[in-house]
Amino acid sequence: MCDIAKVSKSGYYKWLTGKHKLKYEKDLLLIYAIFLLKNKKAGYRTIKMNLERYLRIKMNHKKIIKLMKILNIQGGVRKSNPYKKKIIEMQKARICEDLVERNFKEKNRLMYYRVILHI
């Protein structure tokens, strides 16, 4: 039967006894509790910090991400700062005049004039 389903014998018996279901049950409950305490906005970093800080539990961040996928939960995405966008737009709009009246095709000539003027 295992050959037909292309499953190993150990995998079949593990599934049959149900040990795979209880492996992460405690961790799943802890992660979901922290997620709910943070108003469903906690990402894996927040959950990891809260586990270490308050519960003194060390858990790998990859494991937390995996368990969050099993629970089908995702941390909130922060909005971008609107003031930062305004500053970038203002910097793009600020174009200075060309006071030197440079001709970029004649680079060497311009450098020659600069050297003469500074000496």
PDB file of N, CA and C in Angstrom:
ATOM      1  N   MET A   1       0.819  -1.187   0.000  1.00  0.00           N
ATOM      2  CA  MET A   1       0.000   0.000   0.000  1.00  0.00           C
ATOM      3  C   MET A   1       0.875   1.268   0.000  1.00  0.00           C
ATOM      4  N   CYS A   2       1.973   1.237   0.725  1.00  0.00           N
ATOM      5  CA  CYS A   2       2.867   2.392   0.768  1.00  0.00           C
ATOM      6  C   CYS A   2       3.513   2.632  -0.590  1.00  0.00           C
ATOM      7  N   ASP A   3       3.751   1.554  -1.342  1.00  0.00           N
ATOM      8  CA  ASP A   3       4.343   1.692  -2.671  1.00  0.00           C
ATOM      9  C   ASP A   3       3.382   2.387  -3.625  1.00  0.00           C
ATOM     10  N   ILE A   4       2.107   2.072  -3.518  1.00  0.00           N
ATOM     11  CA  ILE A   4       1.105   2.678  -4.392  1.00  0.00           C
ATOM     12  C   ILE A   4       0.971   4.171  -4.094  1.00  0.00           C
ATOM     13  N   ALA A   5       0.934   4.516  -2.823  1.00  0.00           N
ATOM     14  CA  ALA A   5       0.776   5.919  -2.418  1.00  0.00           C
ATOM     15  C   ALA A   5       2.089   6.692  -2.454  1.00  0.00           C
ATOM     16  N   LYS A   6       3.201   5.984  -2.697  1.00  0.00           N
ATOM     17  CA  LYS A   6       4.538   6.575  -2.741  1.00  0.00           C
ATOM     18  C   LYS A   6       4.860   7.304  -1.433  1.00  0.00           C
ATOM     19  N   VAL A   7       4.609   6.588  -0.325  1.00  0.00           N
ATOM     20  CA  VAL A   7       4.866   7.101   1.017  1.00  0.00           C
ATOM     21  C   VAL A   7       5.759   6.098   1.726  1.00  0.00           C
ATOM     22  N   SER A   8       6.701   6.611   2.529  1.00  0.00           N
ATOM     23  CA  SER A   8       7.555   5.701   3.276  1.00  0.00           C
ATOM     24  C   SER A   8       6.761   5.034   4.399  1.00  0.00           C
ATOM     25  N   LYS A   9       7.228   3.883   4.843  1.00  0.00           N
ATOM     26  CA  LYS A   9       6.530   3.160   5.910  1.00  0.00           C
ATOM     27  C   LYS A   9       6.551   3.955   7.213  1.00  0.00           C
ATOM     28  N   SER A  10       7.687   4.578   7.512  1.00  0.00           N
ATOM     29  CA  SER A  10       7.768   5.355   8.753  1.00  0.00           C
ATOM     30  C   SER A  10       6.829   6.565   8.701  1.00  0.00           C
ATOM     31  N   GLY A  11       6.711   7.180   7.532  1.00  0.00           N
ATOM     32  CA  GLY A  11       5.792   8.309   7.380  1.00  0.00           C
ATOM     33  C   GLY A  11       4.343   7.893   7.544  1.00  0.00           C
ATOM     34  N   TYR A  12       4.010   6.709   7.032  1.00  0.00           N
ATOM     35  CA  TYR A  12       2.640   6.206   7.168  1.00  0.00           C
ATOM     36  C   TYR A  12       2.307   5.948   8.634  1.00  0.00           C
ATOM     37  N   TYR A  13       3.207   5.290   9.356  1.00  0.00           N
ATOM     38  CA  TYR A  13       2.920   4.963  10.756  1.00  0.00           C
ATOM     39  C   TYR A  13       2.929   6.224  11.641  1.00  0.00           C
ATOM     40  N   LYS A  14       3.727   7.184  11.272  1.00  0.00           N
ATOM     41  CA  LYS A  14       3.717   8.444  12.005  1.00  0.00           C
ATOM     42  C   LYS A  14       2.372   9.139  11.817  1.00  0.00           C
ATOM     43  N   TRP A  15       1.864   9.111  10.592  1.00  0.00           N
ATOM     44  CA  TRP A  15       0.559   9.702  10.306  1.00  0.00           C
ATOM     45  C   TRP A  15      -0.545   8.918  11.011  1.00  0.00           C
ATOM     46  N   LEU A  16      -0.394   7.616  11.059  1.00  0.00           N
ATOM     47  CA  LEU A  16      -1.403   6.760  11.662  1.00  0.00           C
ATOM     48  C   LEU A  16      -1.525   7.005  13.171  1.00  0.00           C
ATOM     49  N   THR A  17      -0.420   7.188  13.859  1.00  0.00           N
ATOM     50  CA  THR A  17      -0.462   7.417  15.305  1.00  0.00           C
ATOM     51  C   THR A  17      -0.832   8.847  15.659  1.00  0.00           C
ATOM     52  N   GLY A  18      -0.672   9.774  14.743  1.00  0.00           N
ATOM     53  CA  GLY A  18      -1.061  11.160  14.992  1.00  0.00           C
ATOM     54  C   GLY A  18      -0.037  11.960  15.765  1.00  0.00           C
ATOM     55  N   LYS A  19       1.213  11.505  15.826  1.00  0.00           N
ATOM     56  CA  LYS A  19       2.237  12.230  16.553  1.00  0.00           C
ATOM     57  C   LYS A  19       2.602  13.541  15.874  1.00  0.00           C
ATOM     58  N   HIS A  20       2.444  13.604  14.576  1.00  0.00           N
ATOM     59  CA  HIS A  20       2.823  14.810  13.845  1.00  0.00           C
ATOM     60  C   HIS A  20       1.921  15.987  14.196  1.00  0.00           C
ATOM     61  N   LYS A  21       0.709  15.743  14.644  1.00  0.00           N
ATOM     62  CA  LYS A  21      -0.225  16.818  14.977  1.00  0.00           C
ATOM     63  C   LYS A  21       0.155  17.513  16.278  1.00  0.00           C
ATOM     64  N   LEU A  22       0.693  16.785  17.230  1.00  0.00           N
ATOM     65  CA  LEU A  22       0.981  17.338  18.547  1.00  0.00           C
ATOM     66  C   LEU A  22       2.372  17.951  18.653  1.00  0.00           C
ATOM     67  N   LYS A  23       3.156  17.876  17.596  1.00  0.00           N
ATOM     68  CA  LYS A  23       4.549  18.300  17.670  1.00  0.00           C
ATOM     69  C   LYS A  23       4.683  19.792  17.995  1.00  0.00           C
ATOM     70  N   TYR A  24       3.901  20.630  17.333  1.00  0.00           N
ATOM     71  CA  TYR A  24       4.024  22.071  17.504  1.00  0.00           C
ATOM     72  C   TYR A  24       2.793  22.698  18.144  1.00  0.00           C
ATOM     73  N   GLU A  25       1.943  21.902  18.750  1.00  0.00           N
ATOM     74  CA  GLU A  25       0.674  22.433  19.248  1.00  0.00           C
ATOM     75  C   GLU A  25       0.879  23.516  20.310  1.00  0.00           C
ATOM     76  N   LYS A  26       1.792  23.309  21.233  1.00  0.00           N
ATOM     77  CA  LYS A  26       2.048  24.285  22.286  1.00  0.00           C
ATOM     78  C   LYS A  26       2.617  25.579  21.693  1.00  0.00           C
ATOM     79  N   ASP A  27       3.549  25.430  20.757  1.00  0.00           N
ATOM     80  CA  ASP A  27       4.142  26.597  20.121  1.00  0.00           C
ATOM     81  C   ASP A  27       3.117  27.371  19.294  1.00  0.00           C
ATOM     82  N   LEU A  28       2.233  26.635  18.613  1.00  0.00           N
ATOM     83  CA  LEU A  28       1.188  27.283  17.835  1.00  0.00           C
ATOM     84  C   LEU A  28       0.284  28.130  18.725  1.00  0.00           C
ATOM     85  N   LEU A  29      -0.061  27.595  19.888  1.00  0.00           N
ATOM     86  CA  LEU A  29      -0.919  28.339  20.808  1.00  0.00           C
ATOM     87  C   LEU A  29      -0.213  29.589  21.332  1.00  0.00           C
ATOM     88  N   LEU A  30       1.062  29.471  21.663  1.00  0.00           N
ATOM     89  CA  LEU A  30       1.818  30.632  22.141  1.00  0.00           C
ATOM     90  C   LEU A  30       1.898  31.727  21.079  1.00  0.00           C
ATOM     91  N   ILE A  31       2.206  31.334  19.859  1.00  0.00           N
ATOM     92  CA  ILE A  31       2.337  32.309  18.775  1.00  0.00           C
ATOM     93  C   ILE A  31       1.007  32.985  18.498  1.00  0.00           C
ATOM     94  N   TYR A  32      -0.065  32.207  18.476  1.00  0.00           N
ATOM     95  CA  TYR A  32      -1.380  32.794  18.200  1.00  0.00           C
ATOM     96  C   TYR A  32      -1.829  33.711  19.337  1.00  0.00           C
ATOM     97  N   ALA A  33      -1.489  33.360  20.579  1.00  0.00           N
ATOM     98  CA  ALA A  33      -1.855  34.211  21.712  1.00  0.00           C
ATOM     99  C   ALA A  33      -1.140  35.560  21.630  1.00  0.00           C
ATOM    100  N   ILE A  34       0.141  35.544  21.311  1.00  0.00           N
ATOM    101  CA  ILE A  34       0.884  36.796  21.168  1.00  0.00           C
ATOM    102  C   ILE A  34       0.335  37.609  19.999  1.00  0.00           C
ATOM    103  N   PHE A  35      -0.005  36.936  18.918  1.00  0.00           N
ATOM    104  CA  PHE A  35      -0.567  37.605  17.746  1.00  0.00           C
ATOM    105  C   PHE A  35      -1.873  38.324  18.108  1.00  0.00           C
ATOM    106  N   LEU A  36      -2.708  37.673  18.901  1.00  0.00           N
ATOM    107  CA  LEU A  36      -3.965  38.294  19.307  1.00  0.00           C
ATOM    108  C   LEU A  36      -3.746  39.424  20.307  1.00  0.00           C
ATOM    109  N   LEU A  37      -2.773  39.266  21.206  1.00  0.00           N
ATOM    110  CA  LEU A  37      -2.479  40.325  22.172  1.00  0.00           C
ATOM    111  C   LEU A  37      -1.989  41.605  21.489  1.00  0.00           C
ATOM    112  N   LYS A  38      -1.330  41.465  20.387  1.00  0.00           N
ATOM    113  CA  LYS A  38      -0.815  42.616  19.644  1.00  0.00           C
ATOM    114  C   LYS A  38      -1.806  43.111  18.588  1.00  0.00           C
ATOM    115  N   ASN A  39      -3.074  42.776  18.758  1.00  0.00           N
ATOM    116  CA  ASN A  39      -4.151  43.232  17.858  1.00  0.00           C
ATOM    117  C   ASN A  39      -3.940  42.815  16.403  1.00  0.00           C
ATOM    118  N   LYS A  40      -3.450  41.610  16.215  1.00  0.00           N
ATOM    119  CA  LYS A  40      -3.246  41.000  14.898  1.00  0.00           C
ATOM    120  C   LYS A  40      -2.307  41.809  14.010  1.00  0.00           C
ATOM    121  N   LYS A  41      -1.337  42.480  14.629  1.00  0.00           N
ATOM    122  CA  LYS A  41      -0.373  43.265  13.869  1.00  0.00           C
ATOM    123  C   LYS A  41       1.056  42.782  14.054  1.00  0.00           C
ATOM    124  N   ALA A  42       1.249  41.755  14.854  1.00  0.00           N
ATOM    125  CA  ALA A  42       2.593  41.295  15.178  1.00  0.00           C
ATOM    126  C   ALA A  42       3.152  40.432  14.061  1.00  0.00           C
ATOM    127  N   GLY A  43       4.374  40.754  13.656  1.00  0.00           N
ATOM    128  CA  GLY A  43       5.085  39.928  12.698  1.00  0.00           C
ATOM    129  C   GLY A  43       5.975  38.945  13.436  1.00  0.00           C
ATOM    130  N   TYR A  44       6.798  38.237  12.700  1.00  0.00           N
ATOM    131  CA  TYR A  44       7.616  37.200  13.337  1.00  0.00           C
ATOM    132  C   TYR A  44       8.655  37.805  14.275  1.00  0.00           C
ATOM    133  N   ARG A  45       9.155  39.008  13.962  1.00  0.00           N
ATOM    134  CA  ARG A  45      10.151  39.625  14.843  1.00  0.00           C
ATOM    135  C   ARG A  45       9.538  40.005  16.188  1.00  0.00           C
ATOM    136  N   THR A  46       8.337  40.580  16.150  1.00  0.00           N
ATOM    137  CA  THR A  46       7.651  40.967  17.383  1.00  0.00           C
ATOM    138  C   THR A  46       7.338  39.740  18.227  1.00  0.00           C
ATOM    139  N   ILE A  47       6.885  38.689  17.583  1.00  0.00           N
ATOM    140  CA  ILE A  47       6.554  37.457  18.303  1.00  0.00           C
ATOM    141  C   ILE A  47       7.822  36.872  18.926  1.00  0.00           C
ATOM    142  N   LYS A  48       8.905  36.870  18.178  1.00  0.00           N
ATOM    143  CA  LYS A  48      10.169  36.331  18.700  1.00  0.00           C
ATOM    144  C   LYS A  48      10.640  37.130  19.913  1.00  0.00           C
ATOM    145  N   MET A  49      10.573  38.453  19.828  1.00  0.00           N
ATOM    146  CA  MET A  49      11.021  39.289  20.949  1.00  0.00           C
ATOM    147  C   MET A  49      10.151  39.084  22.179  1.00  0.00           C
ATOM    148  N   ASN A  50       8.843  38.950  21.983  1.00  0.00           N
ATOM    149  CA  ASN A  50       7.944  38.744  23.123  1.00  0.00           C
ATOM    150  C   ASN A  50       8.145  37.379  23.761  1.00  0.00           C
ATOM    151  N   LEU A  51       8.396  36.362  22.953  1.00  0.00           N
ATOM    152  CA  LEU A  51       8.675  35.035  23.508  1.00  0.00           C
ATOM    153  C   LEU A  51       9.933  35.061  24.367  1.00  0.00           C
ATOM    154  N   GLU A  52      10.970  35.726  23.885  1.00  0.00           N
ATOM    155  CA  GLU A  52      12.227  35.761  24.626  1.00  0.00           C
ATOM    156  C   GLU A  52      12.144  36.673  25.850  1.00  0.00           C
ATOM    157  N   ARG A  53      11.488  37.807  25.700  1.00  0.00           N
ATOM    158  CA  ARG A  53      11.485  38.791  26.770  1.00  0.00           C
ATOM    159  C   ARG A  53      10.575  38.405  27.930  1.00  0.00           C
ATOM    160  N   TYR A  54       9.361  37.997  27.622  1.00  0.00           N
ATOM    161  CA  TYR A  54       8.371  37.772  28.680  1.00  0.00           C
ATOM    162  C   TYR A  54       8.240  36.307  29.100  1.00  0.00           C
ATOM    163  N   LEU A  55       8.373  35.392  28.154  1.00  0.00           N
ATOM    164  CA  LEU A  55       8.188  33.974  28.477  1.00  0.00           C
ATOM    165  C   LEU A  55       9.511  33.219  28.603  1.00  0.00           C
ATOM    166  N   ARG A  56      10.619  33.886  28.291  1.00  0.00           N
ATOM    167  CA  ARG A  56      11.950  33.281  28.366  1.00  0.00           C
ATOM    168  C   ARG A  56      12.058  32.012  27.510  1.00  0.00           C
ATOM    169  N   ILE A  57      11.420  32.057  26.341  1.00  0.00           N
ATOM    170  CA  ILE A  57      11.454  30.924  25.410  1.00  0.00           C
ATOM    171  C   ILE A  57      12.260  31.346  24.189  1.00  0.00           C
ATOM    172  N   LYS A  58      13.298  30.584  23.883  1.00  0.00           N
ATOM    173  CA  LYS A  58      14.082  30.856  22.686  1.00  0.00           C
ATOM    174  C   LYS A  58      13.552  29.980  21.552  1.00  0.00           C
ATOM    175  N   MET A  59      13.174  30.639  20.475  1.00  0.00           N
ATOM    176  CA  MET A  59      12.640  29.923  19.321  1.00  0.00           C
ATOM    177  C   MET A  59      13.242  30.554  18.064  1.00  0.00           C
ATOM    178  N   ASN A  60      13.617  29.738  17.126  1.00  0.00           N
ATOM    179  CA  ASN A  60      14.209  30.193  15.885  1.00  0.00           C
ATOM    180  C   ASN A  60      13.177  30.972  15.070  1.00  0.00           C
ATOM    181  N   HIS A  61      13.631  32.040  14.407  1.00  0.00           N
ATOM    182  CA  HIS A  61      12.700  32.853  13.625  1.00  0.00           C
ATOM    183  C   HIS A  61      12.123  32.082  12.436  1.00  0.00           C
ATOM    184  N   LYS A  62      12.892  31.134  11.906  1.00  0.00           N
ATOM    185  CA  LYS A  62      12.382  30.330  10.790  1.00  0.00           C
ATOM    186  C   LYS A  62      11.231  29.434  11.241  1.00  0.00           C
ATOM    187  N   LYS A  63      11.323  28.939  12.458  1.00  0.00           N
ATOM    188  CA  LYS A  63      10.249  28.115  13.009  1.00  0.00           C
ATOM    189  C   LYS A  63       8.998  28.962  13.219  1.00  0.00           C
ATOM    190  N   ILE A  64       9.186  30.192  13.688  1.00  0.00           N
ATOM    191  CA  ILE A  64       8.045  31.088  13.898  1.00  0.00           C
ATOM    192  C   ILE A  64       7.366  31.387  12.572  1.00  0.00           C
ATOM    193  N   ILE A  65       8.150  31.637  11.538  1.00  0.00           N
ATOM    194  CA  ILE A  65       7.575  31.902  10.212  1.00  0.00           C
ATOM    195  C   ILE A  65       6.805  30.692   9.718  1.00  0.00           C
ATOM    196  N   LYS A  66       7.365  29.499   9.910  1.00  0.00           N
ATOM    197  CA  LYS A  66       6.700  28.272   9.477  1.00  0.00           C
ATOM    198  C   LYS A  66       5.372  28.080  10.205  1.00  0.00           C
ATOM    199  N   LEU A  67       5.370  28.319  11.520  1.00  0.00           N
ATOM    200  CA  LEU A  67       4.146  28.149  12.293  1.00  0.00           C
ATOM    201  C   LEU A  67       3.111  29.222  11.950  1.00  0.00           C
ATOM    202  N   MET A  68       3.581  30.407  11.619  1.00  0.00           N
ATOM    203  CA  MET A  68       2.643  31.460  11.189  1.00  0.00           C
ATOM    204  C   MET A  68       1.984  31.085   9.864  1.00  0.00           C
ATOM    205  N   LYS A  69       2.731  30.416   8.993  1.00  0.00           N
ATOM    206  CA  LYS A  69       2.134  29.951   7.739  1.00  0.00           C
ATOM    207  C   LYS A  69       1.103  28.866   7.995  1.00  0.00           C
ATOM    208  N   ILE A  70       1.384  27.975   8.963  1.00  0.00           N
ATOM    209  CA  ILE A  70       0.425  26.922   9.311  1.00  0.00           C
ATOM    210  C   ILE A  70      -0.852  27.545   9.859  1.00  0.00           C
ATOM    211  N   LEU A  71      -0.704  28.571  10.699  1.00  0.00           N
ATOM    212  CA  LEU A  71      -1.863  29.255  11.275  1.00  0.00           C
ATOM    213  C   LEU A  71      -2.536  30.204  10.291  1.00  0.00           C
ATOM    214  N   ASN A  72      -1.879  30.455   9.172  1.00  0.00           N
ATOM    215  CA  ASN A  72      -2.385  31.358   8.139  1.00  0.00           C
ATOM    216  C   ASN A  72      -2.556  32.778   8.700  1.00  0.00           C
ATOM    217  N   ILE A  73      -1.540  33.249   9.424  1.00  0.00           N
ATOM    218  CA  ILE A  73      -1.550  34.609   9.950  1.00  0.00           C
ATOM    219  C   ILE A  73      -0.352  35.357   9.397  1.00  0.00           C
ATOM    220  N   GLN A  74      -0.521  36.673   9.299  1.00  0.00           N
ATOM    221  CA  GLN A  74       0.525  37.505   8.743  1.00  0.00           C
ATOM    222  C   GLN A  74       0.535  38.822   9.510  1.00  0.00           C
ATOM    223  N   GLY A  75       1.721  39.327   9.787  1.00  0.00           N
ATOM    224  CA  GLY A  75       1.843  40.582  10.509  1.00  0.00           C
ATOM    225  C   GLY A  75       1.383  41.752   9.660  1.00  0.00           C
ATOM    226  N   GLY A  76       1.011  42.840  10.324  1.00  0.00           N
ATOM    227  CA  GLY A  76       0.564  44.029   9.617  1.00  0.00           C
ATOM    228  C   GLY A  76       1.700  44.702   8.881  1.00  0.00           C
ATOM    229  N   VAL A  77       1.387  45.297   7.754  1.00  0.00           N
ATOM    230  CA  VAL A  77       2.371  46.006   6.951  1.00  0.00           C
ATOM    231  C   VAL A  77       2.264  47.488   7.288  1.00  0.00           C
ATOM    232  N   ARG A  78       3.405  48.081   7.651  1.00  0.00           N
ATOM    233  CA  ARG A  78       3.393  49.488   8.015  1.00  0.00           C
ATOM    234  C   ARG A  78       3.166  50.368   6.792  1.00  0.00           C
ATOM    235  N   LYS A  79       2.472  51.468   7.000  1.00  0.00           N
ATOM    236  CA  LYS A  79       2.278  52.434   5.930  1.00  0.00           C
ATOM    237  C   LYS A  79       3.551  53.245   5.768  1.00  0.00           C
ATOM    238  N   SER A  80       3.794  53.688   4.558  1.00  0.00           N
ATOM    239  CA  SER A  80       4.969  54.514   4.333  1.00  0.00           C
ATOM    240  C   SER A  80       4.712  55.920   4.876  1.00  0.00           C
ATOM    241  N   ASN A  81       5.769  56.591   5.241  1.00  0.00           N
ATOM    242  CA  ASN A  81       5.676  57.915   5.825  1.00  0.00           C
ATOM    243  C   ASN A  81       5.341  58.929   4.732  1.00  0.00           C
ATOM    244  N   PRO A  82       4.179  59.625   4.824  1.00  0.00           N
ATOM    245  CA  PRO A  82       3.822  60.574   3.769  1.00  0.00           C
ATOM    246  C   PRO A  82       4.741  61.794   3.735  1.00  0.00           C
ATOM    247  N   TYR A  83       5.308  62.169   4.874  1.00  0.00           N
ATOM    248  CA  TYR A  83       6.196  63.325   4.911  1.00  0.00           C
ATOM    249  C   TYR A  83       7.501  63.035   4.182  1.00  0.00           C
ATOM    250  N   LYS A  84       7.943  61.786   4.241  1.00  0.00           N
ATOM    251  CA  LYS A  84       9.158  61.415   3.528  1.00  0.00           C
ATOM    252  C   LYS A  84       8.948  61.545   2.019  1.00  0.00           C
ATOM    253  N   LYS A  85       7.763  61.170   1.555  1.00  0.00           N
ATOM    254  CA  LYS A  85       7.455  61.302   0.135  1.00  0.00           C
ATOM    255  C   LYS A  85       7.465  62.771  -0.292  1.00  0.00           C
ATOM    256  N   LYS A  86       6.923  63.643   0.557  1.00  0.00           N
ATOM    257  CA  LYS A  86       6.891  65.074   0.228  1.00  0.00           C
ATOM    258  C   LYS A  86       8.299  65.640   0.125  1.00  0.00           C
ATOM    259  N   ILE A  87       9.169  65.241   1.037  1.00  0.00           N
ATOM    260  CA  ILE A  87      10.541  65.742   1.020  1.00  0.00           C
ATOM    261  C   ILE A  87      11.257  65.296  -0.250  1.00  0.00           C
ATOM    262  N   ILE A  88      11.049  64.051  -0.649  1.00  0.00           N
ATOM    263  CA  ILE A  88      11.687  63.542  -1.866  1.00  0.00           C
ATOM    264  C   ILE A  88      11.177  64.293  -3.086  1.00  0.00           C
ATOM    265  N   GLU A  89       9.874  64.576  -3.129  1.00  0.00           N
ATOM    266  CA  GLU A  89       9.318  65.323  -4.253  1.00  0.00           C
ATOM    267  C   GLU A  89       9.868  66.742  -4.296  1.00  0.00           C
ATOM    268  N   MET A  90      10.032  67.352  -3.122  1.00  0.00           N
ATOM    269  CA  MET A  90      10.571  68.711  -3.084  1.00  0.00           C
ATOM    270  C   MET A  90      12.018  68.734  -3.560  1.00  0.00           C
ATOM    271  N   GLN A  91      12.785  67.719  -3.221  1.00  0.00           N
ATOM    272  CA  GLN A  91      14.173  67.670  -3.650  1.00  0.00           C
ATOM    273  C   GLN A  91      14.282  67.454  -5.155  1.00  0.00           C
ATOM    274  N   LYS A  92      13.355  66.690  -5.712  1.00  0.00           N
ATOM    275  CA  LYS A  92      13.369  66.476  -7.165  1.00  0.00           C
ATOM    276  C   LYS A  92      12.986  67.757  -7.900  1.00  0.00           C
ATOM    277  N   ALA A  93      12.074  68.533  -7.331  1.00  0.00           N
ATOM    278  CA  ALA A  93      11.592  69.743  -7.984  1.00  0.00           C
ATOM    279  C   ALA A  93      12.597  70.889  -7.887  1.00  0.00           C
ATOM    280  N   ARG A  94      13.521  70.814  -6.968  1.00  0.00           N
ATOM    281  CA  ARG A  94      14.475  71.888  -6.762  1.00  0.00           C
ATOM    282  C   ARG A  94      15.657  71.710  -7.725  1.00  0.00           C
ATOM    283  N   ILE A  95      15.631  72.465  -8.804  1.00  0.00           N
ATOM    284  CA  ILE A  95      16.696  72.413  -9.801  1.00  0.00           C
ATOM    285  C   ILE A  95      17.364  73.782  -9.815  1.00  0.00           C
ATOM    286  N   CYS A  96      18.646  73.810  -9.639  1.00  0.00           N
ATOM    287  CA  CYS A  96      19.388  75.068  -9.577  1.00  0.00           C
ATOM    288  C   CYS A  96      19.765  75.526 -10.984  1.00  0.00           C
ATOM    289  N   GLU A  97      19.998  76.824 -11.085  1.00  0.00           N
ATOM    290  CA  GLU A  97      20.417  77.394 -12.359  1.00  0.00           C
ATOM    291  C   GLU A  97      21.868  76.999 -12.657  1.00  0.00           C
ATOM    292  N   ASP A  98      22.201  77.041 -13.926  1.00  0.00           N
ATOM    293  CA  ASP A  98      23.572  76.751 -14.336  1.00  0.00           C
ATOM    294  C   ASP A  98      24.333  78.075 -14.390  1.00  0.00           C
ATOM    295  N   LEU A  99      24.923  78.477 -13.282  1.00  0.00           N
ATOM    296  CA  LEU A  99      25.611  79.762 -13.193  1.00  0.00           C
ATOM    297  C   LEU A  99      26.949  79.768 -13.917  1.00  0.00           C
ATOM    298  N   VAL A 100      27.563  78.631 -14.067  1.00  0.00           N
ATOM    299  CA  VAL A 100      28.876  78.543 -14.713  1.00  0.00           C
ATOM    300  C   VAL A 100      28.727  78.475 -16.225  1.00  0.00           C
ATOM    301  N   GLU A 101      27.525  78.135 -16.678  1.00  0.00           N
ATOM    302  CA  GLU A 101      27.240  77.943 -18.107  1.00  0.00           C
ATOM    303  C   GLU A 101      28.194  76.920 -18.703  1.00  0.00           C
ATOM    304  N   ARG A 102      28.199  75.768 -18.099  1.00  0.00           N
ATOM    305  CA  ARG A 102      29.112  74.714 -18.517  1.00  0.00           C
ATOM    306  C   ARG A 102      28.667  74.079 -19.820  1.00  0.00           C
ATOM    307  N   ASN A 103      29.626  73.728 -20.615  1.00  0.00           N
ATOM    308  CA  ASN A 103      29.396  72.980 -21.829  1.00  0.00           C
ATOM    309  C   ASN A 103      30.010  71.602 -21.598  1.00  0.00           C
ATOM    310  N   PHE A 104      29.155  70.597 -21.433  1.00  0.00           N
ATOM    311  CA  PHE A 104      29.644  69.280 -21.044  1.00  0.00           C
ATOM    312  C   PHE A 104      30.356  68.546 -22.170  1.00  0.00           C
ATOM    313  N   LYS A 105      30.240  69.023 -23.377  1.00  0.00           N
ATOM    314  CA  LYS A 105      30.938  68.374 -24.479  1.00  0.00           C
ATOM    315  C   LYS A 105      32.420  68.748 -24.481  1.00  0.00           C
ATOM    316  N   GLU A 106      32.764  69.867 -23.904  1.00  0.00           N
ATOM    317  CA  GLU A 106      34.152  70.316 -23.869  1.00  0.00           C
ATOM    318  C   GLU A 106      34.666  70.255 -22.432  1.00  0.00           C
ATOM    319  N   LYS A 107      34.823  69.086 -21.920  1.00  0.00           N
ATOM    320  CA  LYS A 107      35.233  68.905 -20.525  1.00  0.00           C
ATOM    321  C   LYS A 107      36.641  69.418 -20.271  1.00  0.00           C
ATOM    322  N   ASN A 108      37.568  69.106 -21.133  1.00  0.00           N
ATOM    323  CA  ASN A 108      38.962  69.474 -20.905  1.00  0.00           C
ATOM    324  C   ASN A 108      39.145  70.992 -20.907  1.00  0.00           C
ATOM    325  N   ARG A 109      38.445  71.659 -21.777  1.00  0.00           N
ATOM    326  CA  ARG A 109      38.557  73.115 -21.885  1.00  0.00           C
ATOM    327  C   ARG A 109      38.049  73.784 -20.610  1.00  0.00           C
ATOM    328  N   LEU A 110      36.955  73.300 -20.089  1.00  0.00           N
ATOM    329  CA  LEU A 110      36.393  73.862 -18.871  1.00  0.00           C
ATOM    330  C   LEU A 110      37.351  73.664 -17.705  1.00  0.00           C
ATOM    331  N   MET A 111      37.945  72.497 -17.591  1.00  0.00           N
ATOM    332  CA  MET A 111      38.905  72.239 -16.529  1.00  0.00           C
ATOM    333  C   MET A 111      40.117  73.160 -16.674  1.00  0.00           C
ATOM    334  N   TYR A 112      40.505  73.437 -17.902  1.00  0.00           N
ATOM    335  CA  TYR A 112      41.644  74.326 -18.142  1.00  0.00           C
ATOM    336  C   TYR A 112      41.338  75.725 -17.622  1.00  0.00           C
ATOM    337  N   TYR A 113      40.129  76.214 -17.883  1.00  0.00           N
ATOM    338  CA  TYR A 113      39.738  77.537 -17.408  1.00  0.00           C
ATOM    339  C   TYR A 113      39.665  77.575 -15.887  1.00  0.00           C
ATOM    340  N   ARG A 114      39.194  76.535 -15.276  1.00  0.00           N
ATOM    341  CA  ARG A 114      39.116  76.492 -13.832  1.00  0.00           C
ATOM    342  C   ARG A 114      40.502  76.548 -13.192  1.00  0.00           C
ATOM    343  N   VAL A 115      41.444  75.837 -13.788  1.00  0.00           N
ATOM    344  CA  VAL A 115      42.798  75.842 -13.254  1.00  0.00           C
ATOM    345  C   VAL A 115      43.422  77.233 -13.379  1.00  0.00           C
ATOM    346  N   ILE A 116      43.218  77.903 -14.484  1.00  0.00           N
ATOM    347  CA  ILE A 116      43.773  79.237 -14.696  1.00  0.00           C
ATOM    348  C   ILE A 116      43.145  80.231 -13.718  1.00  0.00           C
ATOM    349  N   LEU A 117      41.821  80.103 -13.489  1.00  0.00           N
ATOM    350  CA  LEU A 117      41.151  81.066 -12.619  1.00  0.00           C
ATOM    351  C   LEU A 117      41.558  80.884 -11.158  1.00  0.00           C
ATOM    352  N   HIS A 118      41.878  79.699 -10.742  1.00  0.00           N
ATOM    353  CA  HIS A 118      42.208  79.440  -9.340  1.00  0.00           C
ATOM    354  C   HIS A 118      43.668  79.737  -9.017  1.00  0.00           C
ATOM    355  N   ILE A 119      44.503  79.879 -10.024  1.00  0.00           N
ATOM    356  CA  ILE A 119      45.944  80.094  -9.760  1.00  0.00           C
ATOM    357  C   ILE A 119      46.179  81.503  -9.445  1.00  0.00           C
TER     358      ILE A 119
END
